[in-house]
Amino acid sequence: MTPRGLRRSAIAAAMWIGSTTLAGPAARALPSPASPSADERARSSFQTGYRHQQAQQYEDAILAYEESLRRDPNQAEALSNLGFCYKALKRYQKAIGYYKDAIRLKPDLAEAHEYLGEAYLELGRIPLAEREYNTLVTLKSDEADELKEKIAAKRAAMDGTN
């Protein structure tokens, strides 16, 4: 067969392969052109979680954020938002774990430091909250002032009960 004939055969084979329906493992190995990518599905789940979070539907938000993280586990914002939802549900230890995970992925994520500090305050762990405040100051974050005020209020409340 001539080189030109080989090229035509290769083109014909490629066209045939593209037009056939694959089954079994071969079909699972190829992404469906109509299906969204894992990144798109992760983003969609994140957005669903955020909508639920904004509506204070924290249990639903948690499910959506967990789905998003199953598709892409390296989302610091999703981890931080999971922490926020657990903090809102007063499950502070679980919230703290998610905030720490978010900070490991993205050390300059100010909101995670702020909310981690708030979770520590809820548990009466003022020195740890102050550490998060100092991190916010280092990051030059606007959230530092908010956390500082909450620390002062917690300290005053604790001094008033002693």
C-alpha atoms as a PDB file:
ATOM      1  CA  MET A   1       0.000   0.000   0.000  1.00  0.00           C
ATOM      2  CA  THR A   2       1.284   3.463  -0.838  1.00  0.00           C
ATOM      3  CA  PRO A   3       1.802   6.129   1.842  1.00  0.00           C
ATOM      4  CA  ARG A   4      -1.230   7.950   0.483  1.00  0.00           C
ATOM      5  CA  GLY A   5      -3.318   4.782   0.762  1.00  0.00           C
ATOM      6  CA  LEU A   6      -2.091   4.214   4.324  1.00  0.00           C
ATOM      7  CA  ARG A   7      -3.089   7.740   5.266  1.00  0.00           C
ATOM      8  CA  ARG A   8      -6.574   7.219   3.782  1.00  0.00           C
ATOM      9  CA  SER A   9      -6.927   3.931   5.670  1.00  0.00           C
ATOM     10  CA  ALA A  10      -5.892   5.610   8.911  1.00  0.00           C
ATOM     11  CA  ILE A  11      -8.409   8.405   8.343  1.00  0.00           C
ATOM     12  CA  ALA A  12     -11.156   5.907   7.540  1.00  0.00           C
ATOM     13  CA  ALA A  13     -10.296   3.870  10.655  1.00  0.00           C
ATOM     14  CA  ALA A  14     -10.352   6.986  12.828  1.00  0.00           C
ATOM     15  CA  MET A  15     -13.722   7.970  11.409  1.00  0.00           C
ATOM     16  CA  TRP A  16     -15.093   4.479  12.009  1.00  0.00           C
ATOM     17  CA  ILE A  17     -13.783   4.403  15.597  1.00  0.00           C
ATOM     18  CA  GLY A  18     -15.335   7.797  16.238  1.00  0.00           C
ATOM     19  CA  SER A  19     -18.698   6.645  14.931  1.00  0.00           C
ATOM     20  CA  THR A  20     -18.948   3.323  16.763  1.00  0.00           C
ATOM     21  CA  THR A  21     -20.461   2.824  20.164  1.00  0.00           C
ATOM     22  CA  LEU A  22     -18.023   1.372  22.638  1.00  0.00           C
ATOM     23  CA  ALA A  23     -19.129  -0.948  25.396  1.00  0.00           C
ATOM     24  CA  GLY A  24     -17.615  -2.273  28.582  1.00  0.00           C
ATOM     25  CA  PRO A  25     -14.304  -0.969  29.903  1.00  0.00           C
ATOM     26  CA  ALA A  26     -13.531   0.883  26.687  1.00  0.00           C
ATOM     27  CA  ALA A  27     -16.653   3.011  27.073  1.00  0.00           C
ATOM     28  CA  ARG A  28     -15.871   3.785  30.706  1.00  0.00           C
ATOM     29  CA  ALA A  29     -12.307   4.787  29.822  1.00  0.00           C
ATOM     30  CA  LEU A  30     -13.421   7.574  27.517  1.00  0.00           C
ATOM     31  CA  PRO A  31     -15.040  10.713  28.917  1.00  0.00           C
ATOM     32  CA  SER A  32     -18.459  11.465  27.554  1.00  0.00           C
ATOM     33  CA  PRO A  33     -18.288  14.685  25.552  1.00  0.00           C
ATOM     34  CA  ALA A  34     -21.698  15.720  26.866  1.00  0.00           C
ATOM     35  CA  SER A  35     -20.875  15.120  30.536  1.00  0.00           C
ATOM     36  CA  PRO A  36     -19.333  17.906  32.596  1.00  0.00           C
ATOM     37  CA  SER A  37     -15.753  17.553  33.764  1.00  0.00           C
ATOM     38  CA  ALA A  38     -14.911  16.700  37.362  1.00  0.00           C
ATOM     39  CA  ASP A  39     -13.877  20.329  37.863  1.00  0.00           C
ATOM     40  CA  GLU A  40     -17.231  21.562  36.577  1.00  0.00           C
ATOM     41  CA  ARG A  41     -19.111  19.105  38.801  1.00  0.00           C
ATOM     42  CA  ALA A  42     -16.997  20.148  41.795  1.00  0.00           C
ATOM     43  CA  ARG A  43     -17.689  23.810  41.040  1.00  0.00           C
ATOM     44  CA  SER A  44     -21.408  23.129  40.637  1.00  0.00           C
ATOM     45  CA  SER A  45     -21.555  21.277  43.969  1.00  0.00           C
ATOM     46  CA  PHE A  46     -19.629  24.120  45.627  1.00  0.00           C
ATOM     47  CA  GLN A  47     -22.105  26.668  44.277  1.00  0.00           C
ATOM     48  CA  THR A  48     -25.018  24.553  45.497  1.00  0.00           C
ATOM     49  CA  GLY A  49     -23.397  24.380  48.919  1.00  0.00           C
ATOM     50  CA  TYR A  50     -22.883  28.122  48.972  1.00  0.00           C
ATOM     51  CA  ARG A  51     -26.545  28.762  48.095  1.00  0.00           C
ATOM     52  CA  HIS A  52     -27.647  26.460  50.924  1.00  0.00           C
ATOM     53  CA  GLN A  53     -25.192  28.132  53.290  1.00  0.00           C
ATOM     54  CA  GLN A  54     -26.537  31.584  52.422  1.00  0.00           C
ATOM     55  CA  ALA A  55     -30.065  30.276  53.090  1.00  0.00           C
ATOM     56  CA  GLN A  56     -28.850  28.897  56.454  1.00  0.00           C
ATOM     57  CA  GLN A  57     -29.619  25.364  55.289  1.00  0.00           C
ATOM     58  CA  TYR A  58     -26.409  24.093  56.826  1.00  0.00           C
ATOM     59  CA  GLU A  59     -27.052  20.341  56.630  1.00  0.00           C
ATOM     60  CA  ASP A  60     -27.769  20.612  52.886  1.00  0.00           C
ATOM     61  CA  ALA A  61     -24.750  22.872  52.436  1.00  0.00           C
ATOM     62  CA  ILE A  62     -22.551  20.305  54.176  1.00  0.00           C
ATOM     63  CA  LEU A  63     -23.714  17.558  51.802  1.00  0.00           C
ATOM     64  CA  ALA A  64     -23.016  19.723  48.753  1.00  0.00           C
ATOM     65  CA  TYR A  65     -19.574  20.828  49.978  1.00  0.00           C
ATOM     66  CA  GLU A  66     -18.651  17.223  50.780  1.00  0.00           C
ATOM     67  CA  GLU A  67     -19.701  16.224  47.255  1.00  0.00           C
ATOM     68  CA  SER A  68     -17.582  19.033  45.845  1.00  0.00           C
ATOM     69  CA  LEU A  69     -14.584  17.891  47.897  1.00  0.00           C
ATOM     70  CA  ARG A  70     -15.024  14.285  46.738  1.00  0.00           C
ATOM     71  CA  ARG A  71     -14.557  15.557  43.198  1.00  0.00           C
ATOM     72  CA  ASP A  72     -11.705  17.943  44.078  1.00  0.00           C
ATOM     73  CA  PRO A  73     -10.259  17.569  47.589  1.00  0.00           C
ATOM     74  CA  ASN A  74      -7.925  20.549  47.241  1.00  0.00           C
ATOM     75  CA  GLN A  75     -10.493  23.318  47.698  1.00  0.00           C
ATOM     76  CA  ALA A  76      -9.544  25.445  50.690  1.00  0.00           C
ATOM     77  CA  GLU A  77     -12.684  27.562  50.335  1.00  0.00           C
ATOM     78  CA  ALA A  78     -14.955  24.507  50.417  1.00  0.00           C
ATOM     79  CA  LEU A  79     -13.174  23.254  53.536  1.00  0.00           C
ATOM     80  CA  SER A  80     -13.512  26.658  55.182  1.00  0.00           C
ATOM     81  CA  ASN A  81     -17.197  26.826  54.266  1.00  0.00           C
ATOM     82  CA  LEU A  82     -17.719  23.352  55.734  1.00  0.00           C
ATOM     83  CA  GLY A  83     -16.143  24.685  58.909  1.00  0.00           C
ATOM     84  CA  PHE A  84     -18.540  27.627  58.830  1.00  0.00           C
ATOM     85  CA  CYS A  85     -21.542  25.306  58.524  1.00  0.00           C
ATOM     86  CA  TYR A  86     -20.391  23.121  61.399  1.00  0.00           C
ATOM     87  CA  LYS A  87     -19.684  26.221  63.509  1.00  0.00           C
ATOM     88  CA  ALA A  88     -23.208  27.477  62.784  1.00  0.00           C
ATOM     89  CA  LEU A  89     -24.507  24.100  63.990  1.00  0.00           C
ATOM     90  CA  LYS A  90     -22.384  24.509  67.162  1.00  0.00           C
ATOM     91  CA  ARG A  91     -20.216  21.526  66.250  1.00  0.00           C
ATOM     92  CA  TYR A  92     -17.060  23.451  67.040  1.00  0.00           C
ATOM     93  CA  GLN A  93     -14.493  20.636  67.105  1.00  0.00           C
ATOM     94  CA  LYS A  94     -15.549  19.480  63.660  1.00  0.00           C
ATOM     95  CA  ALA A  95     -15.482  23.093  62.423  1.00  0.00           C
ATOM     96  CA  ILE A  96     -11.970  23.554  63.803  1.00  0.00           C
ATOM     97  CA  GLY A  97     -10.755  20.492  61.904  1.00  0.00           C
ATOM     98  CA  TYR A  98     -12.097  21.827  58.612  1.00  0.00           C
ATOM     99  CA  TYR A  99     -10.630  25.291  59.197  1.00  0.00           C
ATOM    100  CA  LYS A 100      -7.228  23.750  59.909  1.00  0.00           C
ATOM    101  CA  ASP A 101      -7.476  21.671  56.724  1.00  0.00           C
ATOM    102  CA  ALA A 102      -8.347  24.810  54.740  1.00  0.00           C
ATOM    103  CA  ILE A 103      -5.401  26.695  56.231  1.00  0.00           C
ATOM    104  CA  ARG A 104      -3.028  23.817  55.417  1.00  0.00           C
ATOM    105  CA  LEU A 105      -4.048  24.155  51.771  1.00  0.00           C
ATOM    106  CA  LYS A 106      -4.140  27.947  51.724  1.00  0.00           C
ATOM    107  CA  PRO A 107      -2.316  29.555  54.679  1.00  0.00           C
ATOM    108  CA  ASP A 108      -3.377  33.077  53.682  1.00  0.00           C
ATOM    109  CA  LEU A 109      -7.130  32.323  53.652  1.00  0.00           C
ATOM    110  CA  ALA A 110      -8.154  35.072  56.077  1.00  0.00           C
ATOM    111  CA  GLU A 111     -11.748  33.932  56.529  1.00  0.00           C
ATOM    112  CA  ALA A 112     -10.568  30.516  57.736  1.00  0.00           C
ATOM    113  CA  HIS A 113      -8.315  32.164  60.333  1.00  0.00           C
ATOM    114  CA  GLU A 114     -11.112  34.485  61.466  1.00  0.00           C
ATOM    115  CA  TYR A 115     -13.691  31.721  61.820  1.00  0.00           C
ATOM    116  CA  LEU A 116     -11.157  29.375  63.420  1.00  0.00           C
ATOM    117  CA  GLY A 117     -10.532  32.088  66.001  1.00  0.00           C
ATOM    118  CA  GLU A 118     -14.282  32.421  66.564  1.00  0.00           C
ATOM    119  CA  ALA A 119     -14.644  28.657  67.029  1.00  0.00           C
ATOM    120  CA  TYR A 120     -11.832  28.726  69.586  1.00  0.00           C
ATOM    121  CA  LEU A 121     -13.645  31.540  71.398  1.00  0.00           C
ATOM    122  CA  GLU A 122     -16.835  29.475  71.558  1.00  0.00           C
ATOM    123  CA  LEU A 123     -14.821  26.815  73.359  1.00  0.00           C
ATOM    124  CA  GLY A 124     -13.216  29.397  75.675  1.00  0.00           C
ATOM    125  CA  ARG A 125      -9.764  28.896  74.154  1.00  0.00           C
ATOM    126  CA  ILE A 126      -8.763  32.556  74.090  1.00  0.00           C
ATOM    127  CA  PRO A 127      -4.990  32.053  73.566  1.00  0.00           C
ATOM    128  CA  LEU A 128      -5.681  30.060  70.391  1.00  0.00           C
ATOM    129  CA  ALA A 129      -8.128  32.722  69.193  1.00  0.00           C
ATOM    130  CA  GLU A 130      -5.435  35.345  69.823  1.00  0.00           C
ATOM    131  CA  ARG A 131      -3.017  33.333  67.720  1.00  0.00           C
ATOM    132  CA  GLU A 132      -5.489  33.486  64.826  1.00  0.00           C
ATOM    133  CA  TYR A 133      -5.909  37.223  65.430  1.00  0.00           C
ATOM    134  CA  ASN A 134      -2.120  37.665  65.169  1.00  0.00           C
ATOM    135  CA  THR A 135      -2.133  35.722  61.904  1.00  0.00           C
ATOM    136  CA  LEU A 136      -4.855  38.027  60.560  1.00  0.00           C
ATOM    137  CA  VAL A 137      -2.755  41.060  61.536  1.00  0.00           C
ATOM    138  CA  THR A 138       0.225  39.551  59.697  1.00  0.00           C
ATOM    139  CA  LEU A 139      -2.012  38.978  56.660  1.00  0.00           C
ATOM    140  CA  LYS A 140      -3.173  42.616  56.922  1.00  0.00           C
ATOM    141  CA  SER A 141      -6.749  41.371  56.916  1.00  0.00           C
ATOM    142  CA  ASP A 142      -9.776  43.520  57.674  1.00  0.00           C
ATOM    143  CA  GLU A 143     -11.124  40.571  59.655  1.00  0.00           C
ATOM    144  CA  ALA A 144      -8.466  41.153  62.339  1.00  0.00           C
ATOM    145  CA  ASP A 145     -10.418  44.004  63.943  1.00  0.00           C
ATOM    146  CA  GLU A 146     -13.608  41.936  64.092  1.00  0.00           C
ATOM    147  CA  LEU A 147     -11.854  39.053  65.794  1.00  0.00           C
ATOM    148  CA  LYS A 148     -10.064  41.420  68.185  1.00  0.00           C
ATOM    149  CA  GLU A 149     -13.432  42.833  69.299  1.00  0.00           C
ATOM    150  CA  LYS A 150     -14.859  39.344  69.805  1.00  0.00           C
ATOM    151  CA  ILE A 151     -11.818  38.310  71.842  1.00  0.00           C
ATOM    152  CA  ALA A 152     -12.200  41.400  74.051  1.00  0.00           C
ATOM    153  CA  ALA A 153     -15.916  40.690  74.534  1.00  0.00           C
ATOM    154  CA  LYS A 154     -15.259  37.043  75.416  1.00  0.00           C
ATOM    155  CA  ARG A 155     -12.512  38.054  77.851  1.00  0.00           C
ATOM    156  CA  ALA A 156     -14.860  40.581  79.502  1.00  0.00           C
ATOM    157  CA  ALA A 157     -17.641  37.999  79.731  1.00  0.00           C
ATOM    158  CA  MET A 158     -15.294  35.463  81.296  1.00  0.00           C
ATOM    159  CA  ASP A 159     -13.900  38.048  83.753  1.00  0.00           C
ATOM    160  CA  GLY A 160     -17.452  38.961  84.754  1.00  0.00           C
ATOM    161  CA  THR A 161     -18.276  35.359  85.643  1.00  0.00           C
ATOM    162  CA  ASN A 162     -15.197  34.804  87.820  1.00  0.00           C
END
